[in-house]
PDB file of N, CA and C in Angstrom:
ATOM      1  N   UNK A   1     -27.088  47.474  79.039  1.00  0.00           N
ATOM      2  CA  UNK A   1     -25.648  47.718  79.047  1.00  0.00           C
ATOM      3  C   UNK A   1     -25.079  47.360  77.705  1.00  0.00           C
ATOM      4  N   UNK A   2     -24.313  48.316  77.101  1.00  0.00           N
ATOM      5  CA  UNK A   2     -23.974  48.077  75.710  1.00  0.00           C
ATOM      6  C   UNK A   2     -22.623  47.014  75.735  1.00  0.00           C
ATOM      7  N   UNK A   3     -22.408  46.500  74.611  1.00  0.00           N
ATOM      8  CA  UNK A   3     -21.162  45.763  74.561  1.00  0.00           C
ATOM      9  C   UNK A   3     -19.943  46.274  75.002  1.00  0.00           C
ATOM     10  N   UNK A   4     -19.717  47.478  74.537  1.00  0.00           N
ATOM     11  CA  UNK A   4     -18.419  48.225  74.952  1.00  0.00           C
ATOM     12  C   UNK A   4     -18.495  48.411  76.593  1.00  0.00           C
ATOM     13  N   UNK A   5     -19.594  48.562  77.089  1.00  0.00           N
ATOM     14  CA  UNK A   5     -19.693  48.704  78.653  1.00  0.00           C
ATOM     15  C   UNK A   5     -19.206  47.330  79.188  1.00  0.00           C
ATOM     16  N   UNK A   6     -19.856  46.480  78.631  1.00  0.00           N
ATOM     17  CA  UNK A   6     -19.654  45.092  79.287  1.00  0.00           C
ATOM     18  C   UNK A   6     -18.175  44.570  79.072  1.00  0.00           C
ATOM     19  N   UNK A   7     -17.460  45.147  77.982  1.00  0.00           N
ATOM     20  CA  UNK A   7     -16.061  44.828  77.932  1.00  0.00           C
ATOM     21  C   UNK A   7     -15.286  45.416  78.972  1.00  0.00           C
ATOM     22  N   UNK A   8     -15.786  46.686  79.183  1.00  0.00           N
ATOM     23  CA  UNK A   8     -14.972  47.526  80.187  1.00  0.00           C
ATOM     24  C   UNK A   8     -15.103  47.009  81.571  1.00  0.00           C
ATOM     25  N   UNK A   9     -16.356  46.657  81.857  1.00  0.00           N
ATOM     26  CA  UNK A   9     -16.683  45.872  83.099  1.00  0.00           C
ATOM     27  C   UNK A   9     -15.993  44.639  83.293  1.00  0.00           C
ATOM     28  N   UNK A  10     -15.762  43.759  82.315  1.00  0.00           N
ATOM     29  CA  UNK A  10     -15.035  42.539  82.057  1.00  0.00           C
ATOM     30  C   UNK A  10     -13.677  42.835  82.656  1.00  0.00           C
ATOM     31  N   UNK A  11     -12.965  43.849  82.031  1.00  0.00           N
ATOM     32  CA  UNK A  11     -11.688  44.296  82.241  1.00  0.00           C
ATOM     33  C   UNK A  11     -11.340  44.648  83.615  1.00  0.00           C
ATOM     34  N   UNK A  12     -12.339  45.301  84.177  1.00  0.00           N
ATOM     35  CA  UNK A  12     -12.272  45.875  85.691  1.00  0.00           C
ATOM     36  C   UNK A  12     -12.301  44.728  86.594  1.00  0.00           C
ATOM     37  N   UNK A  13     -13.159  43.711  86.236  1.00  0.00           N
ATOM     38  CA  UNK A  13     -13.418  42.466  86.938  1.00  0.00           C
ATOM     39  C   UNK A  13     -11.898  41.574  86.992  1.00  0.00           C
ATOM     40  N   UNK A  14     -11.422  41.517  85.845  1.00  0.00           N
ATOM     41  CA  UNK A  14     -10.205  40.937  85.744  1.00  0.00           C
ATOM     42  C   UNK A  14      -9.085  41.477  86.522  1.00  0.00           C
ATOM     43  N   UNK A  15      -9.036  42.762  86.518  1.00  0.00           N
ATOM     44  CA  UNK A  15      -7.950  43.376  87.226  1.00  0.00           C
ATOM     45  C   UNK A  15      -8.253  43.176  88.776  1.00  0.00           C
ATOM     46  N   UNK A  16      -9.504  43.279  89.210  1.00  0.00           N
ATOM     47  CA  UNK A  16      -9.913  43.042  90.622  1.00  0.00           C
ATOM     48  C   UNK A  16      -9.522  41.699  91.041  1.00  0.00           C
ATOM     49  N   UNK A  17      -9.947  40.624  90.133  1.00  0.00           N
ATOM     50  CA  UNK A  17      -9.602  39.214  90.322  1.00  0.00           C
ATOM     51  C   UNK A  17      -8.038  39.063  90.367  1.00  0.00           C
ATOM     52  N   UNK A  18      -7.324  39.524  89.580  1.00  0.00           N
ATOM     53  CA  UNK A  18      -5.838  39.569  89.783  1.00  0.00           C
ATOM     54  C   UNK A  18      -5.336  40.105  91.090  1.00  0.00           C
ATOM     55  N   UNK A  19      -5.918  41.287  91.494  1.00  0.00           N
ATOM     56  CA  UNK A  19      -5.633  41.955  92.734  1.00  0.00           C
ATOM     57  C   UNK A  19      -5.862  40.954  93.888  1.00  0.00           C
ATOM     58  N   UNK A  20      -7.159  40.263  93.888  1.00  0.00           N
ATOM     59  CA  UNK A  20      -7.577  39.510  94.818  1.00  0.00           C
ATOM     60  C   UNK A  20      -6.659  38.374  95.154  1.00  0.00           C
ATOM     61  N   UNK A  21      -6.202  37.783  93.975  1.00  0.00           N
ATOM     62  CA  UNK A  21      -5.323  36.694  93.918  1.00  0.00           C
ATOM     63  C   UNK A  21      -4.019  37.045  94.660  1.00  0.00           C
ATOM     64  N   UNK A  22      -3.447  38.194  94.330  1.00  0.00           N
ATOM     65  CA  UNK A  22      -2.123  38.572  94.956  1.00  0.00           C
ATOM     66  C   UNK A  22      -2.332  38.892  96.508  1.00  0.00           C
ATOM     67  N   UNK A  23      -3.655  39.516  96.908  1.00  0.00           N
ATOM     68  CA  UNK A  23      -3.766  39.614  98.278  1.00  0.00           C
ATOM     69  C   UNK A  23      -3.841  38.366  98.896  1.00  0.00           C
ATOM     70  N   UNK A  24      -4.549  37.318  98.378  1.00  0.00           N
ATOM     71  CA  UNK A  24      -4.755  36.105  99.111  1.00  0.00           C
ATOM     72  C   UNK A  24      -3.376  35.441  99.255  1.00  0.00           C
ATOM     73  N   UNK A  25      -2.604  35.482  98.292  1.00  0.00           N
ATOM     74  CA  UNK A  25      -1.184  34.893  98.267  1.00  0.00           C
ATOM     75  C   UNK A  25      -0.369  35.594  99.289  1.00  0.00           C
ATOM     76  N   UNK A  26      -0.457  36.865  99.490  1.00  0.00           N
ATOM     77  CA  UNK A  26       0.441  37.549 100.490  1.00  0.00           C
ATOM     78  C   UNK A  26      -0.134  37.239 101.794  1.00  0.00           C
ATOM     79  N   UNK A  27      -1.440  37.245 101.951  1.00  0.00           N
ATOM     80  CA  UNK A  27      -1.881  37.022 103.294  1.00  0.00           C
ATOM     81  C   UNK A  27      -1.810  35.467 103.834  1.00  0.00           C
ATOM     82  N   UNK A  28      -1.606  34.498 102.735  1.00  0.00           N
ATOM     83  CA  UNK A  28      -1.485  33.167 103.118  1.00  0.00           C
ATOM     84  C   UNK A  28      -0.096  32.918 103.458  1.00  0.00           C
ATOM     85  N   UNK A  29       0.889  33.800 102.944  1.00  0.00           N
ATOM     86  CA  UNK A  29       2.202  33.540 103.280  1.00  0.00           C
ATOM     87  C   UNK A  29       2.842  34.333 104.453  1.00  0.00           C
ATOM     88  N   UNK A  30       1.993  35.132 105.027  1.00  0.00           N
ATOM     89  CA  UNK A  30       2.432  35.675 106.248  1.00  0.00           C
ATOM     90  C   UNK A  30       2.128  34.866 107.350  1.00  0.00           C
ATOM     91  N   UNK A  31       2.998  35.150 108.418  1.00  0.00           N
ATOM     92  CA  UNK A  31       2.773  34.218 109.637  1.00  0.00           C
ATOM     93  C   UNK A  31       1.419  34.549 110.495  1.00  0.00           C
ATOM     94  N   UNK A  32       1.226  35.765 110.340  1.00  0.00           N
ATOM     95  CA  UNK A  32      -0.190  36.066 111.151  1.00  0.00           C
ATOM     96  C   UNK A  32      -1.285  36.029 110.244  1.00  0.00           C
ATOM     97  N   UNK A  33      -1.674  35.106 109.480  1.00  0.00           N
ATOM     98  CA  UNK A  33      -2.830  35.060 108.511  1.00  0.00           C
ATOM     99  C   UNK A  33      -3.945  35.210 109.399  1.00  0.00           C
ATOM    100  N   UNK A  34      -4.856  35.992 109.030  1.00  0.00           N
ATOM    101  CA  UNK A  34      -6.292  36.148 109.678  1.00  0.00           C
ATOM    102  C   UNK A  34      -7.041  35.309 108.734  1.00  0.00           C
ATOM    103  N   UNK A  35      -7.482  34.076 109.296  1.00  0.00           N
ATOM    104  CA  UNK A  35      -8.362  33.073 108.534  1.00  0.00           C
ATOM    105  C   UNK A  35      -9.635  33.756 108.194  1.00  0.00           C
ATOM    106  N   UNK A  36     -10.372  34.619 108.873  1.00  0.00           N
ATOM    107  CA  UNK A  36     -11.561  35.283 108.453  1.00  0.00           C
ATOM    108  C   UNK A  36     -11.450  36.115 107.376  1.00  0.00           C
ATOM    109  N   UNK A  37     -10.361  36.881 107.383  1.00  0.00           N
ATOM    110  CA  UNK A  37     -10.076  37.944 106.284  1.00  0.00           C
ATOM    111  C   UNK A  37      -9.695  37.033 104.883  1.00  0.00           C
ATOM    112  N   UNK A  38      -9.011  35.911 105.071  1.00  0.00           N
ATOM    113  CA  UNK A  38      -8.769  35.295 103.972  1.00  0.00           C
ATOM    114  C   UNK A  38     -10.039  34.613 103.312  1.00  0.00           C
ATOM    115  N   UNK A  39     -10.738  33.925 104.164  1.00  0.00           N
ATOM    116  CA  UNK A  39     -11.984  33.466 103.653  1.00  0.00           C
ATOM    117  C   UNK A  39     -12.941  34.635 103.022  1.00  0.00           C
ATOM    118  N   UNK A  40     -12.918  35.684 103.470  1.00  0.00           N
ATOM    119  CA  UNK A  40     -13.678  36.951 102.888  1.00  0.00           C
ATOM    120  C   UNK A  40     -13.137  37.062 101.461  1.00  0.00           C
ATOM    121  N   UNK A  41     -11.835  37.367 101.374  1.00  0.00           N
ATOM    122  CA  UNK A  41     -11.174  37.447 100.022  1.00  0.00           C
ATOM    123  C   UNK A  41     -11.429  36.435  99.087  1.00  0.00           C
ATOM    124  N   UNK A  42     -11.190  35.168  99.496  1.00  0.00           N
ATOM    125  CA  UNK A  42     -11.610  34.037  98.699  1.00  0.00           C
ATOM    126  C   UNK A  42     -13.093  34.151  98.046  1.00  0.00           C
ATOM    127  N   UNK A  43     -13.951  34.465  99.090  1.00  0.00           N
ATOM    128  CA  UNK A  43     -15.363  34.460  98.661  1.00  0.00           C
ATOM    129  C   UNK A  43     -15.515  35.606  97.589  1.00  0.00           C
ATOM    130  N   UNK A  44     -14.888  36.698  97.832  1.00  0.00           N
ATOM    131  CA  UNK A  44     -15.038  37.865  96.923  1.00  0.00           C
ATOM    132  C   UNK A  44     -14.569  37.444  95.523  1.00  0.00           C
ATOM    133  N   UNK A  45     -13.412  36.829  95.450  1.00  0.00           N
ATOM    134  CA  UNK A  45     -12.723  36.258  94.395  1.00  0.00           C
ATOM    135  C   UNK A  45     -13.484  35.518  93.575  1.00  0.00           C
ATOM    136  N   UNK A  46     -14.264  34.457  94.228  1.00  0.00           N
ATOM    137  CA  UNK A  46     -15.148  33.515  93.636  1.00  0.00           C
ATOM    138  C   UNK A  46     -16.283  34.215  92.834  1.00  0.00           C
ATOM    139  N   UNK A  47     -16.868  35.346  93.605  1.00  0.00           N
ATOM    140  CA  UNK A  47     -18.007  36.188  93.175  1.00  0.00           C
ATOM    141  C   UNK A  47     -17.554  36.923  91.831  1.00  0.00           C
ATOM    142  N   UNK A  48     -16.384  37.423  91.926  1.00  0.00           N
ATOM    143  CA  UNK A  48     -15.838  38.238  90.695  1.00  0.00           C
ATOM    144  C   UNK A  48     -15.622  37.295  89.593  1.00  0.00           C
ATOM    145  N   UNK A  49     -15.224  35.882  89.802  1.00  0.00           N
ATOM    146  CA  UNK A  49     -15.073  34.974  88.846  1.00  0.00           C
ATOM    147  C   UNK A  49     -16.355  34.684  88.233  1.00  0.00           C
ATOM    148  N   UNK A  50     -17.419  34.527  89.083  1.00  0.00           N
ATOM    149  CA  UNK A  50     -18.705  34.338  88.606  1.00  0.00           C
ATOM    150  C   UNK A  50     -19.289  35.315  87.663  1.00  0.00           C
ATOM    151  N   UNK A  51     -19.015  36.670  88.176  1.00  0.00           N
ATOM    152  CA  UNK A  51     -19.453  37.809  87.275  1.00  0.00           C
ATOM    153  C   UNK A  51     -18.695  37.890  85.811  1.00  0.00           C
ATOM    154  N   UNK A  52     -17.487  37.586  85.939  1.00  0.00           N
ATOM    155  CA  UNK A  52     -16.724  37.435  84.659  1.00  0.00           C
ATOM    156  C   UNK A  52     -17.201  36.348  83.623  1.00  0.00           C
ATOM    157  N   UNK A  53     -17.580  35.076  84.151  1.00  0.00           N
ATOM    158  CA  UNK A  53     -18.248  34.226  83.479  1.00  0.00           C
ATOM    159  C   UNK A  53     -19.410  34.457  82.800  1.00  0.00           C
ATOM    160  N   UNK A  54     -20.238  35.282  83.629  1.00  0.00           N
ATOM    161  CA  UNK A  54     -21.629  35.756  83.071  1.00  0.00           C
ATOM    162  C   UNK A  54     -21.358  36.583  81.709  1.00  0.00           C
ATOM    163  N   UNK A  55     -20.517  37.646  81.964  1.00  0.00           N
ATOM    164  CA  UNK A  55     -20.192  38.615  80.984  1.00  0.00           C
ATOM    165  C   UNK A  55     -19.688  37.909  79.901  1.00  0.00           C
ATOM    166  N   UNK A  56     -18.820  37.027  79.987  1.00  0.00           N
ATOM    167  CA  UNK A  56     -18.057  36.140  79.010  1.00  0.00           C
ATOM    168  C   UNK A  56     -19.044  35.460  78.133  1.00  0.00           C
ATOM    169  N   UNK A  57     -19.997  34.867  78.844  1.00  0.00           N
ATOM    170  CA  UNK A  57     -20.862  34.004  78.132  1.00  0.00           C
ATOM    171  C   UNK A  57     -21.852  34.821  77.234  1.00  0.00           C
ATOM    172  N   UNK A  58     -21.995  36.139  77.757  1.00  0.00           N
ATOM    173  CA  UNK A  58     -22.954  36.933  76.974  1.00  0.00           C
ATOM    174  C   UNK A  58     -22.273  37.511  75.852  1.00  0.00           C
ATOM    175  N   UNK A  59     -20.869  37.776  75.926  1.00  0.00           N
ATOM    176  CA  UNK A  59     -20.244  38.310  74.825  1.00  0.00           C
ATOM    177  C   UNK A  59     -19.897  37.290  73.668  1.00  0.00           C
ATOM    178  N   UNK A  60     -19.578  35.957  74.314  1.00  0.00           N
ATOM    179  CA  UNK A  60     -19.035  35.017  73.354  1.00  0.00           C
ATOM    180  C   UNK A  60     -20.083  33.851  73.385  1.00  0.00           C
ATOM    181  N   UNK A  61     -21.009  33.914  72.467  1.00  0.00           N
ATOM    182  CA  UNK A  61     -22.102  32.969  72.613  1.00  0.00           C
ATOM    183  C   UNK A  61     -21.812  31.629  72.158  1.00  0.00           C
ATOM    184  N   UNK A  62     -22.399  30.619  72.616  1.00  0.00           N
ATOM    185  CA  UNK A  62     -21.969  29.167  72.254  1.00  0.00           C
ATOM    186  C   UNK A  62     -22.402  29.036  70.743  1.00  0.00           C
ATOM    187  N   UNK A  63     -21.422  28.286  69.950  1.00  0.00           N
ATOM    188  CA  UNK A  63     -21.926  28.125  68.644  1.00  0.00           C
ATOM    189  C   UNK A  63     -21.754  26.643  68.469  1.00  0.00           C
ATOM    190  N   UNK A  64     -22.878  25.991  68.266  1.00  0.00           N
ATOM    191  CA  UNK A  64     -22.980  24.552  68.148  1.00  0.00           C
ATOM    192  C   UNK A  64     -22.666  24.214  66.572  1.00  0.00           C
ATOM    193  N   UNK A  65     -21.462  23.483  66.474  1.00  0.00           N
ATOM    194  CA  UNK A  65     -21.170  23.079  65.144  1.00  0.00           C
ATOM    195  C   UNK A  65     -21.580  21.626  64.832  1.00  0.00           C
TER     196      UNK A  65
END
């Protein structure tokens, strides 16, 4: 995967993470909150966050000063 492809993937993951956050908030505020669906969304959001971290770590290497 090239650096440009990784940056595009990272941006898509950021959008998905933002959308999941909005969906979790909306479901949490509803009176008929489905706890199973809420748990699935939260797990998916964590997976997306982990994927974002992996790509960011690759794109921005640690520099020890």
